[in-house]
Amino acid sequence: MSKANAIDINKILKLLPHRYPFLLVDRVLEITPQESITALKNVTMNEPFFQGHFPDFPVMPGVLIIEALAQTAALLTFSEEHPEDAVYYFAGIDGARFKKPVLPGDQLIMTAKLERGRAGIYKFAVQATVDGEIAAEANITCAVRTKGA
């Protein structure tokens, strides 16, 4: 993957409103504007959710994997110009499947492919893999609105 179109954590922090402990994308590996994005999340035992999910067998919650995928999709959308007061809302999910547990020490590789985007509504096919195996996949819908709208 080309590093020329990679996005580091400093730019991610400018593009997304999320902060610790809810920022779930560490780096963008590759992006083709208005088409696709590949990002990664290093999953560590230091994640706050592992204290309760589950103490004797830590597994990354599926809902957080989906959130990480939505943040990845947001980065694809926000890589283009948007008003500063734009907010990215998760609007829907279809066909979510969880196929492999995500554990501390795993590197989650997340992809989002834009299937349709118009009038501030975007649909994506998203997938998360660990060591080349699918951990989760879904179709998600997101909406870009101005704050307070």
Protein backbone atom coordinates (compact mmCIF):
# COMPACT_ATOMS: atom_id res chain seq x y z
CA MET A 1 0.00 0.00 0.00
CA SER A 2 1.21 3.44 -0.88
CA LYS A 3 2.25 5.70 1.99
CA ALA A 4 1.77 8.75 -0.23
CA ASN A 5 -1.97 8.82 0.47
CA ALA A 6 -1.80 7.57 4.07
CA ILE A 7 -3.29 9.62 6.91
CA ASP A 8 -1.53 9.73 10.28
CA ILE A 9 -3.12 10.14 13.72
CA ASN A 10 -2.62 13.92 13.72
CA LYS A 11 -4.78 14.35 10.61
CA ILE A 12 -7.30 11.79 11.87
CA LEU A 13 -7.72 13.95 14.98
CA LYS A 14 -8.46 16.94 12.71
CA LEU A 15 -10.99 15.00 10.61
CA LEU A 16 -12.89 13.12 13.34
CA PRO A 17 -14.44 14.54 16.52
CA HIS A 18 -13.80 11.32 18.49
CA ARG A 19 -11.21 11.21 21.26
CA TYR A 20 -9.89 8.61 23.68
CA PRO A 21 -11.32 6.21 24.59
CA PHE A 22 -13.69 6.35 21.63
CA LEU A 23 -11.31 7.08 18.76
CA LEU A 24 -10.98 3.65 17.14
CA VAL A 25 -8.78 4.32 14.09
CA ASP A 26 -5.01 4.60 14.54
CA ARG A 27 -3.91 5.18 10.94
CA VAL A 28 -5.19 5.23 7.37
CA LEU A 29 -3.04 3.02 5.19
CA GLU A 30 -4.54 3.91 1.84
CA ILE A 31 -7.33 6.06 0.51
CA THR A 32 -8.82 6.57 -2.92
CA PRO A 33 -11.14 9.60 -2.51
CA GLN A 34 -14.83 8.87 -3.11
CA GLU A 35 -14.03 5.17 -3.63
CA SER A 36 -12.35 3.26 -0.82
CA ILE A 37 -10.21 3.42 2.31
CA THR A 38 -8.09 0.99 4.32
CA ALA A 39 -7.32 1.81 7.94
CA LEU A 40 -5.99 0.03 11.01
CA LYS A 41 -6.67 -0.24 14.70
CA ASN A 42 -4.09 -1.78 16.99
CA VAL A 43 -6.06 -3.68 19.63
CA THR A 44 -4.24 -3.70 22.97
CA MET A 45 -5.00 -5.05 26.42
CA ASN A 46 -4.97 -1.41 27.59
CA GLU A 47 -8.38 -0.80 25.95
CA PRO A 48 -10.84 0.19 28.71
CA PHE A 49 -13.58 -2.16 27.46
CA PHE A 50 -11.49 -5.27 28.17
CA GLN A 51 -11.94 -4.80 31.92
CA GLY A 52 -15.54 -5.92 31.57
CA HIS A 53 -15.69 -7.73 28.19
CA PHE A 54 -14.63 -10.27 29.39
CA PRO A 55 -12.12 -10.27 32.27
CA ASP A 56 -11.19 -13.95 31.85
CA PHE A 57 -11.34 -13.95 28.03
CA PRO A 58 -10.96 -10.43 26.58
CA VAL A 59 -12.87 -9.98 23.31
CA MET A 60 -13.40 -6.68 21.48
CA PRO A 61 -17.16 -5.98 21.50
CA GLY A 62 -18.79 -6.33 18.09
CA VAL A 63 -20.49 -2.96 18.43
CA LEU A 64 -17.06 -1.31 18.79
CA ILE A 65 -15.79 -3.12 15.69
CA ILE A 66 -18.77 -1.67 13.81
CA GLU A 67 -18.04 1.77 15.30
CA ALA A 68 -14.41 1.47 14.14
CA LEU A 69 -15.68 0.63 10.65
CA ALA A 70 -18.04 3.63 10.72
CA GLN A 71 -15.15 5.90 11.75
CA THR A 72 -13.14 4.48 8.85
CA ALA A 73 -16.03 5.29 6.48
CA ALA A 74 -16.25 8.79 7.97
CA LEU A 75 -12.59 9.36 7.17
CA LEU A 76 -13.29 8.45 3.54
CA THR A 77 -16.16 10.96 3.48
CA PHE A 78 -14.32 13.67 5.42
CA SER A 79 -11.17 13.37 3.31
CA GLU A 80 -13.03 15.70 0.96
CA GLU A 81 -14.04 19.26 1.90
CA HIS A 82 -16.92 19.57 4.38
CA PRO A 83 -18.11 22.48 6.48
CA GLU A 84 -16.36 22.73 9.85
CA ASP A 85 -19.64 22.27 11.70
CA ALA A 86 -20.40 18.99 9.87
CA VAL A 87 -21.24 15.96 12.01
CA TYR A 88 -21.19 12.39 10.80
CA TYR A 89 -24.10 10.28 12.07
CA PHE A 90 -24.42 6.51 11.95
CA ALA A 91 -27.83 6.04 10.27
CA GLY A 92 -28.21 2.31 9.59
CA ILE A 93 -26.68 -1.12 9.39
CA ASP A 94 -27.59 -4.15 7.31
CA GLY A 95 -26.18 -7.65 7.10
CA ALA A 96 -23.73 -7.36 9.98
CA ARG A 97 -21.83 -10.61 10.52
CA PHE A 98 -19.15 -11.40 13.07
CA LYS A 99 -16.94 -14.27 11.99
CA LYS A 100 -13.84 -14.18 14.20
CA PRO A 101 -13.25 -12.79 17.69
CA VAL A 102 -10.91 -9.81 17.92
CA LEU A 103 -8.46 -10.19 20.79
CA PRO A 104 -5.76 -8.08 22.46
CA GLY A 105 -2.66 -8.05 20.28
CA ASP A 106 -4.65 -8.22 17.04
CA GLN A 107 -4.33 -5.62 14.32
CA LEU A 108 -7.73 -4.84 12.88
CA ILE A 109 -7.51 -3.91 9.19
CA MET A 110 -10.67 -2.07 8.17
CA THR A 111 -11.93 -1.29 4.69
CA ALA A 112 -14.84 0.81 3.53
CA LYS A 113 -16.02 1.03 -0.07
CA LEU A 114 -18.42 3.78 -1.03
CA GLU A 115 -21.42 2.25 -2.77
CA ARG A 116 -23.55 5.39 -3.01
CA GLY A 117 -23.42 8.97 -1.82
CA ARG A 118 -25.83 11.82 -2.43
CA ALA A 119 -27.53 14.59 -0.48
CA GLY A 120 -25.36 13.89 2.55
CA ILE A 121 -26.36 10.20 2.79
CA TYR A 122 -23.61 7.64 2.21
CA LYS A 123 -23.78 3.85 1.92
CA PHE A 124 -20.70 1.69 2.40
CA ALA A 125 -19.68 -1.95 2.28
CA VAL A 126 -17.33 -2.38 5.25
CA GLN A 127 -15.10 -5.21 6.39
CA ALA A 128 -12.67 -5.83 9.24
CA THR A 129 -9.97 -8.50 9.02
CA VAL A 130 -7.37 -9.92 11.38
CA ASP A 131 -4.41 -11.77 9.86
CA GLY A 132 -6.23 -11.87 6.52
CA GLU A 133 -9.37 -13.51 7.98
CA ILE A 134 -12.70 -11.70 8.03
CA ALA A 135 -13.61 -10.70 11.59
CA ALA A 136 -16.72 -8.65 10.70
CA GLU A 137 -18.55 -7.27 7.70
CA ALA A 138 -21.65 -5.16 7.11
CA ASN A 139 -23.34 -2.56 4.96
CA ILE A 140 -23.68 0.76 6.76
CA THR A 141 -25.47 4.02 6.06
CA CYS A 142 -24.19 7.31 7.41
CA ALA A 143 -25.42 10.89 7.16
CA VAL A 144 -23.51 14.15 7.21
CA ARG A 145 -25.41 17.02 8.82
CA THR A 146 -24.52 20.30 10.44
CA LYS A 147 -24.33 20.40 14.23
CA GLY A 148 -27.78 20.85 15.74
CA ALA A 149 -29.63 19.91 12.54
